[in-house]
């Protein structure tokens, strides 16, 4: 079997386990490569739009669930884990914001936390510390 056909057959097999949106994307890439290599004259996937992503709205915890969670944290979790989970719940901070907190962001005199930065994963750069968008606009 020629290498190109072998590659395509392996990729098609891989498509069986991918989502529909990802399947369309991978097929588009395969056809683009086949076009570049002059195996086909035009890309049949060129004008096929990808379906819009549908996000499910998150469900909030009920009051009973929060009480149960806090009770289990108090009984079973380490102080560090308990602090992290409780802070996430009461502040609604994102993961990157929580892990980017530094001592300078804590104000014990009035019991406040200033969230002004976050750790984010930047393609090509890895994990970097970025200031919050509101702060960047000033």
N, C-alpha and C. Protein backbone atom coordinates (compact mmCIF):
# COMPACT_ATOMS: atom_id res chain seq x y z
N UNK A 1 0.86 -1.18 0.00
CA UNK A 1 0.00 0.00 0.00
C UNK A 1 0.90 1.24 0.00
N UNK A 2 0.64 2.23 -0.88
CA UNK A 2 1.46 3.45 -0.90
C UNK A 2 1.37 4.18 0.45
N UNK A 3 2.43 4.90 0.85
CA UNK A 3 2.45 5.57 2.15
C UNK A 3 1.27 6.52 2.37
N UNK A 4 0.87 7.23 1.32
CA UNK A 4 -0.24 8.19 1.47
C UNK A 4 -1.53 7.45 1.79
N UNK A 5 -1.80 6.37 1.07
CA UNK A 5 -3.02 5.59 1.33
C UNK A 5 -2.98 4.97 2.73
N UNK A 6 -1.81 4.51 3.14
CA UNK A 6 -1.66 3.94 4.47
C UNK A 6 -1.94 5.01 5.53
N UNK A 7 -1.37 6.20 5.32
CA UNK A 7 -1.61 7.31 6.25
C UNK A 7 -3.09 7.64 6.34
N UNK A 8 -3.73 7.76 5.18
CA UNK A 8 -5.15 8.10 5.17
C UNK A 8 -5.99 7.00 5.81
N UNK A 9 -5.67 5.75 5.55
CA UNK A 9 -6.45 4.67 6.15
C UNK A 9 -6.28 4.66 7.67
N UNK A 10 -5.08 4.94 8.15
CA UNK A 10 -4.87 5.02 9.60
C UNK A 10 -5.63 6.20 10.20
N UNK A 11 -5.62 7.32 9.49
CA UNK A 11 -6.32 8.50 10.01
C UNK A 11 -7.82 8.27 10.02
N UNK A 12 -8.34 7.61 8.98
CA UNK A 12 -9.77 7.32 8.95
C UNK A 12 -10.15 6.41 10.10
N UNK A 13 -9.30 5.43 10.40
CA UNK A 13 -9.55 4.57 11.56
C UNK A 13 -9.58 5.40 12.84
N UNK A 14 -8.66 6.35 12.95
CA UNK A 14 -8.61 7.21 14.13
C UNK A 14 -9.86 8.07 14.24
N UNK A 15 -10.44 8.43 13.09
CA UNK A 15 -11.64 9.27 13.10
C UNK A 15 -12.81 8.59 13.79
N UNK A 16 -12.81 7.29 13.80
CA UNK A 16 -13.92 6.56 14.41
C UNK A 16 -14.07 6.89 15.89
N UNK A 17 -12.99 7.30 16.53
CA UNK A 17 -13.06 7.58 17.96
C UNK A 17 -13.12 9.08 18.26
N UNK A 18 -13.16 9.91 17.23
CA UNK A 18 -13.18 11.35 17.43
C UNK A 18 -14.60 11.90 17.36
N UNK A 19 -14.77 13.12 17.86
CA UNK A 19 -16.08 13.77 17.78
C UNK A 19 -16.38 14.15 16.34
N UNK A 20 -17.63 14.43 16.06
CA UNK A 20 -18.04 14.84 14.72
C UNK A 20 -17.32 16.08 14.25
N UNK A 21 -17.18 17.07 15.10
CA UNK A 21 -16.49 18.31 14.73
C UNK A 21 -15.03 18.03 14.43
N UNK A 22 -14.40 17.22 15.24
CA UNK A 22 -13.00 16.89 15.03
C UNK A 22 -12.84 16.07 13.75
N UNK A 23 -13.79 15.18 13.47
CA UNK A 23 -13.74 14.38 12.24
C UNK A 23 -13.72 15.29 11.02
N UNK A 24 -14.61 16.27 11.00
CA UNK A 24 -14.66 17.19 9.86
C UNK A 24 -13.35 17.96 9.72
N UNK A 25 -12.80 18.39 10.84
CA UNK A 25 -11.54 19.13 10.82
C UNK A 25 -10.40 18.26 10.28
N UNK A 26 -10.30 17.04 10.77
CA UNK A 26 -9.22 16.14 10.33
C UNK A 26 -9.39 15.81 8.85
N UNK A 27 -10.61 15.55 8.42
CA UNK A 27 -10.84 15.28 6.99
C UNK A 27 -10.44 16.48 6.14
N UNK A 28 -10.75 17.67 6.60
CA UNK A 28 -10.36 18.89 5.88
C UNK A 28 -8.85 18.97 5.75
N UNK A 29 -8.13 18.67 6.83
CA UNK A 29 -6.66 18.70 6.81
C UNK A 29 -6.13 17.64 5.84
N UNK A 30 -6.68 16.44 5.89
CA UNK A 30 -6.25 15.35 4.99
C UNK A 30 -6.44 15.78 3.54
N UNK A 31 -7.61 16.34 3.24
CA UNK A 31 -7.88 16.75 1.86
C UNK A 31 -6.99 17.92 1.44
N UNK A 32 -6.67 18.81 2.37
CA UNK A 32 -5.76 19.92 2.06
C UNK A 32 -4.37 19.41 1.71
N UNK A 33 -3.91 18.42 2.45
CA UNK A 33 -2.59 17.82 2.16
C UNK A 33 -2.64 17.10 0.82
N UNK A 34 -3.71 16.37 0.56
CA UNK A 34 -3.84 15.67 -0.73
C UNK A 34 -3.86 16.67 -1.88
N UNK A 35 -4.47 17.82 -1.68
CA UNK A 35 -4.48 18.88 -2.69
C UNK A 35 -3.08 19.44 -2.90
N UNK A 36 -2.38 19.71 -1.80
CA UNK A 36 -1.00 20.21 -1.88
C UNK A 36 -0.09 19.22 -2.60
N UNK A 37 -0.31 17.94 -2.38
CA UNK A 37 0.51 16.90 -3.01
C UNK A 37 0.02 16.54 -4.41
N UNK A 38 -1.00 17.27 -4.85
CA UNK A 38 -1.57 17.10 -6.19
C UNK A 38 -2.14 15.69 -6.41
N UNK A 39 -2.67 15.10 -5.35
CA UNK A 39 -3.33 13.81 -5.45
C UNK A 39 -4.78 14.02 -5.90
N UNK A 40 -5.37 15.15 -5.46
CA UNK A 40 -6.73 15.51 -5.88
C UNK A 40 -6.69 16.92 -6.47
N UNK A 41 -7.72 17.29 -7.24
CA UNK A 41 -7.75 18.59 -7.91
C UNK A 41 -8.38 19.69 -7.06
N UNK A 42 -9.28 19.32 -6.19
CA UNK A 42 -9.87 20.32 -5.29
C UNK A 42 -10.23 19.65 -3.96
N UNK A 43 -10.37 20.47 -2.93
CA UNK A 43 -10.67 19.97 -1.59
C UNK A 43 -12.18 19.92 -1.41
N UNK A 44 -12.78 18.73 -1.37
CA UNK A 44 -14.23 18.65 -1.22
C UNK A 44 -14.72 19.14 0.14
N UNK A 45 -13.83 19.28 1.10
CA UNK A 45 -14.22 19.73 2.44
C UNK A 45 -14.11 21.24 2.61
N UNK A 46 -13.62 21.92 1.57
CA UNK A 46 -13.30 23.34 1.68
C UNK A 46 -14.48 24.20 2.16
N UNK A 47 -15.63 24.02 1.58
CA UNK A 47 -16.77 24.89 1.89
C UNK A 47 -17.76 24.29 2.87
N UNK A 48 -17.38 23.23 3.54
CA UNK A 48 -18.28 22.61 4.52
C UNK A 48 -18.02 23.27 5.87
N UNK A 49 -19.01 23.98 6.40
CA UNK A 49 -18.78 24.66 7.68
C UNK A 49 -18.77 23.66 8.85
N UNK A 50 -17.95 23.95 9.83
CA UNK A 50 -17.95 23.14 11.05
C UNK A 50 -19.19 23.47 11.87
N UNK A 51 -19.78 22.50 12.51
CA UNK A 51 -20.95 22.80 13.35
C UNK A 51 -20.55 23.67 14.53
N UNK A 52 -21.46 24.53 14.94
CA UNK A 52 -21.21 25.37 16.11
C UNK A 52 -21.09 24.49 17.34
N UNK A 53 -20.16 24.86 18.21
CA UNK A 53 -20.02 24.14 19.47
C UNK A 53 -21.17 24.51 20.38
N UNK A 54 -21.72 23.53 21.04
CA UNK A 54 -22.81 23.77 21.98
C UNK A 54 -22.30 23.50 23.38
N UNK A 55 -22.41 24.49 24.22
CA UNK A 55 -21.97 24.34 25.59
C UNK A 55 -23.18 24.17 26.49
N UNK A 56 -23.06 23.21 27.39
CA UNK A 56 -24.13 23.03 28.36
C UNK A 56 -23.93 24.03 29.48
N UNK A 57 -25.02 24.62 29.92
CA UNK A 57 -24.93 25.55 31.03
C UNK A 57 -24.62 24.77 32.30
N UNK A 58 -23.67 25.27 33.05
CA UNK A 58 -23.29 24.60 34.28
C UNK A 58 -24.41 24.65 35.31
N UNK A 59 -24.43 23.67 36.16
CA UNK A 59 -25.44 23.63 37.22
C UNK A 59 -24.79 24.05 38.53
N UNK A 60 -25.47 24.90 39.24
CA UNK A 60 -24.97 25.34 40.55
C UNK A 60 -25.28 24.26 41.59
N UNK A 61 -24.42 24.20 42.59
CA UNK A 61 -24.67 23.28 43.69
C UNK A 61 -25.85 23.79 44.52
N UNK A 62 -26.62 22.85 45.05
CA UNK A 62 -27.71 23.23 45.95
C UNK A 62 -27.11 23.56 47.31
N UNK A 63 -27.87 24.18 48.15
CA UNK A 63 -27.40 24.52 49.49
C UNK A 63 -27.02 23.24 50.26
N UNK A 64 -27.82 22.18 50.12
CA UNK A 64 -27.50 20.92 50.80
C UNK A 64 -26.20 20.32 50.29
N UNK A 65 -25.97 20.40 48.99
CA UNK A 65 -24.73 19.87 48.43
C UNK A 65 -23.51 20.63 48.94
N UNK A 66 -23.63 21.93 49.07
CA UNK A 66 -22.52 22.74 49.58
C UNK A 66 -22.25 22.42 51.05
N UNK A 67 -23.30 22.28 51.83
CA UNK A 67 -23.13 21.92 53.24
C UNK A 67 -22.43 20.56 53.35
N UNK A 68 -22.87 19.59 52.53
CA UNK A 68 -22.25 18.27 52.55
C UNK A 68 -20.79 18.34 52.13
N UNK A 69 -20.50 19.10 51.09
CA UNK A 69 -19.13 19.25 50.62
C UNK A 69 -18.24 19.86 51.70
N UNK A 70 -18.68 20.95 52.31
CA UNK A 70 -17.89 21.59 53.36
C UNK A 70 -17.69 20.67 54.55
N UNK A 71 -18.72 19.89 54.88
CA UNK A 71 -18.60 18.95 55.99
C UNK A 71 -17.56 17.88 55.69
N UNK A 72 -17.60 17.33 54.48
CA UNK A 72 -16.61 16.31 54.10
C UNK A 72 -15.21 16.90 54.01
N UNK A 73 -15.09 18.12 53.53
CA UNK A 73 -13.78 18.76 53.48
C UNK A 73 -13.21 18.91 54.89
N UNK A 74 -14.05 19.35 55.81
CA UNK A 74 -13.62 19.55 57.20
C UNK A 74 -13.15 18.23 57.83
N UNK A 75 -13.83 17.12 57.48
CA UNK A 75 -13.50 15.83 58.10
C UNK A 75 -12.35 15.10 57.41
N UNK A 76 -12.23 15.23 56.09
CA UNK A 76 -11.32 14.35 55.36
C UNK A 76 -10.17 15.04 54.62
N UNK A 77 -10.32 16.29 54.27
CA UNK A 77 -9.32 16.94 53.41
C UNK A 77 -8.21 17.59 54.22
N UNK A 78 -7.05 17.71 53.57
CA UNK A 78 -5.94 18.44 54.20
C UNK A 78 -6.32 19.91 54.28
N UNK A 79 -5.70 20.66 55.18
CA UNK A 79 -6.02 22.10 55.27
C UNK A 79 -5.80 22.84 53.95
N UNK A 80 -4.77 22.46 53.20
CA UNK A 80 -4.49 23.13 51.92
C UNK A 80 -5.60 22.88 50.91
N UNK A 81 -6.02 21.62 50.80
CA UNK A 81 -7.08 21.28 49.86
C UNK A 81 -8.40 21.93 50.28
N UNK A 82 -8.66 21.90 51.56
CA UNK A 82 -9.89 22.51 52.08
C UNK A 82 -9.91 24.00 51.74
N UNK A 83 -8.80 24.69 51.96
CA UNK A 83 -8.72 26.12 51.65
C UNK A 83 -8.95 26.37 50.17
N UNK A 84 -8.32 25.57 49.33
CA UNK A 84 -8.44 25.76 47.88
C UNK A 84 -9.87 25.56 47.40
N UNK A 85 -10.52 24.49 47.86
CA UNK A 85 -11.89 24.21 47.42
C UNK A 85 -12.87 25.26 47.97
N UNK A 86 -12.73 25.59 49.24
CA UNK A 86 -13.63 26.59 49.82
C UNK A 86 -13.46 27.95 49.14
N UNK A 87 -12.22 28.32 48.87
CA UNK A 87 -11.95 29.59 48.20
C UNK A 87 -12.54 29.60 46.79
N UNK A 88 -12.40 28.48 46.09
CA UNK A 88 -12.96 28.39 44.74
C UNK A 88 -14.47 28.56 44.77
N UNK A 89 -15.11 27.96 45.75
CA UNK A 89 -16.58 28.03 45.83
C UNK A 89 -17.06 29.43 46.22
N UNK A 90 -16.49 30.00 47.25
CA UNK A 90 -17.01 31.28 47.73
C UNK A 90 -16.57 32.46 46.86
N UNK A 91 -15.46 32.32 46.13
CA UNK A 91 -14.98 33.44 45.32
C UNK A 91 -15.39 33.34 43.85
N UNK A 92 -15.74 32.14 43.40
CA UNK A 92 -16.03 31.88 41.99
C UNK A 92 -14.82 32.18 41.11
N UNK A 93 -13.63 32.08 41.68
CA UNK A 93 -12.40 32.31 40.92
C UNK A 93 -12.11 31.11 40.03
N UNK A 94 -11.46 31.38 38.93
CA UNK A 94 -11.07 30.31 38.01
C UNK A 94 -9.82 29.62 38.56
N UNK A 95 -9.54 28.42 38.02
CA UNK A 95 -8.37 27.65 38.48
C UNK A 95 -7.09 28.46 38.34
N UNK A 96 -6.87 29.06 37.17
CA UNK A 96 -5.65 29.83 36.92
C UNK A 96 -5.50 31.01 37.85
N UNK A 97 -6.63 31.60 38.25
CA UNK A 97 -6.59 32.73 39.19
C UNK A 97 -6.20 32.25 40.59
N UNK A 98 -6.72 31.11 40.98
CA UNK A 98 -6.41 30.59 42.32
C UNK A 98 -4.95 30.21 42.46
N UNK A 99 -4.40 29.53 41.46
CA UNK A 99 -3.01 29.09 41.58
C UNK A 99 -2.02 30.23 41.40
N UNK A 100 -2.49 31.38 40.90
CA UNK A 100 -1.60 32.53 40.72
C UNK A 100 -1.61 33.47 41.92
N UNK A 101 -2.39 33.15 42.95
CA UNK A 101 -2.43 34.01 44.13
C UNK A 101 -1.07 34.01 44.83
N UNK A 102 -0.67 35.19 45.26
CA UNK A 102 0.56 35.35 46.02
C UNK A 102 0.23 36.05 47.33
N UNK A 103 1.18 36.03 48.25
CA UNK A 103 0.95 36.63 49.56
C UNK A 103 0.56 38.10 49.45
N UNK A 104 1.12 38.79 48.47
CA UNK A 104 0.80 40.22 48.29
C UNK A 104 -0.66 40.47 47.95
N UNK A 105 -1.38 39.44 47.50
CA UNK A 105 -2.79 39.59 47.15
C UNK A 105 -3.73 39.41 48.34
N UNK A 106 -3.18 39.03 49.48
CA UNK A 106 -3.99 38.80 50.68
C UNK A 106 -3.94 40.02 51.57
N UNK A 107 -5.11 40.47 52.03
CA UNK A 107 -5.18 41.59 52.95
C UNK A 107 -5.89 41.13 54.22
N UNK A 108 -5.12 40.68 55.22
CA UNK A 108 -5.74 40.14 56.43
C UNK A 108 -6.44 41.20 57.28
N UNK A 109 -6.09 42.48 57.10
CA UNK A 109 -6.72 43.51 57.93
C UNK A 109 -8.20 43.68 57.60
N UNK A 110 -8.58 43.45 56.35
CA UNK A 110 -10.01 43.55 56.02
C UNK A 110 -10.54 42.26 55.40
N UNK A 111 -9.77 41.15 55.53
CA UNK A 111 -10.19 39.84 55.05
C UNK A 111 -10.58 39.83 53.57
N UNK A 112 -9.72 40.39 52.72
CA UNK A 112 -9.99 40.41 51.29
C UNK A 112 -8.84 39.77 50.52
N UNK A 113 -9.17 39.34 49.32
CA UNK A 113 -8.18 38.79 48.39
C UNK A 113 -8.32 39.56 47.09
N UNK A 114 -7.20 40.01 46.55
CA UNK A 114 -7.20 40.71 45.28
C UNK A 114 -6.77 39.74 44.18
N UNK A 115 -7.66 39.52 43.23
CA UNK A 115 -7.34 38.63 42.12
C UNK A 115 -7.03 39.52 40.93
N UNK A 116 -5.73 39.63 40.61
CA UNK A 116 -5.32 40.52 39.53
C UNK A 116 -4.47 39.82 38.47
N UNK A 117 -4.25 38.51 38.63
CA UNK A 117 -3.45 37.77 37.66
C UNK A 117 -3.92 36.32 37.62
N UNK A 118 -3.47 35.63 36.58
CA UNK A 118 -3.84 34.22 36.42
C UNK A 118 -2.74 33.50 35.67
N UNK A 119 -2.60 32.21 35.93
CA UNK A 119 -1.72 31.37 35.14
C UNK A 119 -2.54 30.84 33.97
N UNK A 120 -2.01 31.01 32.77
CA UNK A 120 -2.71 30.55 31.57
C UNK A 120 -1.76 29.75 30.71
N UNK A 121 -2.30 28.84 29.92
CA UNK A 121 -1.51 28.02 29.00
C UNK A 121 -1.52 28.71 27.64
N UNK A 122 -0.38 29.25 27.23
CA UNK A 122 -0.26 29.95 25.96
C UNK A 122 0.43 29.02 24.96
N UNK A 123 -0.22 28.80 23.83
CA UNK A 123 0.33 27.91 22.82
C UNK A 123 1.72 28.39 22.41
N UNK A 124 2.67 27.50 22.49
CA UNK A 124 4.04 27.82 22.12
C UNK A 124 4.89 28.33 23.26
N UNK A 125 4.25 28.91 24.28
CA UNK A 125 5.00 29.46 25.43
C UNK A 125 4.81 28.64 26.69
N UNK A 126 3.78 27.81 26.74
CA UNK A 126 3.50 27.04 27.94
C UNK A 126 2.72 27.85 28.96
N UNK A 127 2.92 27.54 30.24
CA UNK A 127 2.19 28.22 31.31
C UNK A 127 2.87 29.56 31.60
N UNK A 128 2.09 30.64 31.50
CA UNK A 128 2.63 31.98 31.78
C UNK A 128 1.69 32.72 32.72
N UNK A 129 2.27 33.67 33.44
CA UNK A 129 1.51 34.51 34.36
C UNK A 129 1.03 35.74 33.59
N UNK A 130 -0.29 35.97 33.59
CA UNK A 130 -0.84 37.11 32.88
C UNK A 130 -1.69 37.93 33.81
N UNK A 131 -1.66 39.25 33.60
CA UNK A 131 -2.55 40.12 34.36
C UNK A 131 -3.97 39.95 33.85
N UNK A 132 -4.92 40.19 34.74
CA UNK A 132 -6.33 40.07 34.38
C UNK A 132 -6.67 41.07 33.29
N UNK A 133 -7.64 40.75 32.46
CA UNK A 133 -8.02 41.60 31.33
C UNK A 133 -8.45 42.99 31.77
N UNK A 134 -9.19 43.09 32.87
CA UNK A 134 -9.66 44.40 33.33
C UNK A 134 -8.46 45.30 33.63
N UNK A 135 -7.42 44.73 34.20
CA UNK A 135 -6.24 45.49 34.56
C UNK A 135 -5.47 45.89 33.30
N UNK A 136 -5.44 45.02 32.28
CA UNK A 136 -4.73 45.31 31.05
C UNK A 136 -5.34 46.49 30.31
N UNK A 137 -6.65 46.71 30.45
CA UNK A 137 -7.33 47.79 29.74
C UNK A 137 -7.01 49.17 30.32
N UNK A 138 -6.63 49.23 31.59
CA UNK A 138 -6.38 50.51 32.24
C UNK A 138 -5.17 51.20 31.68
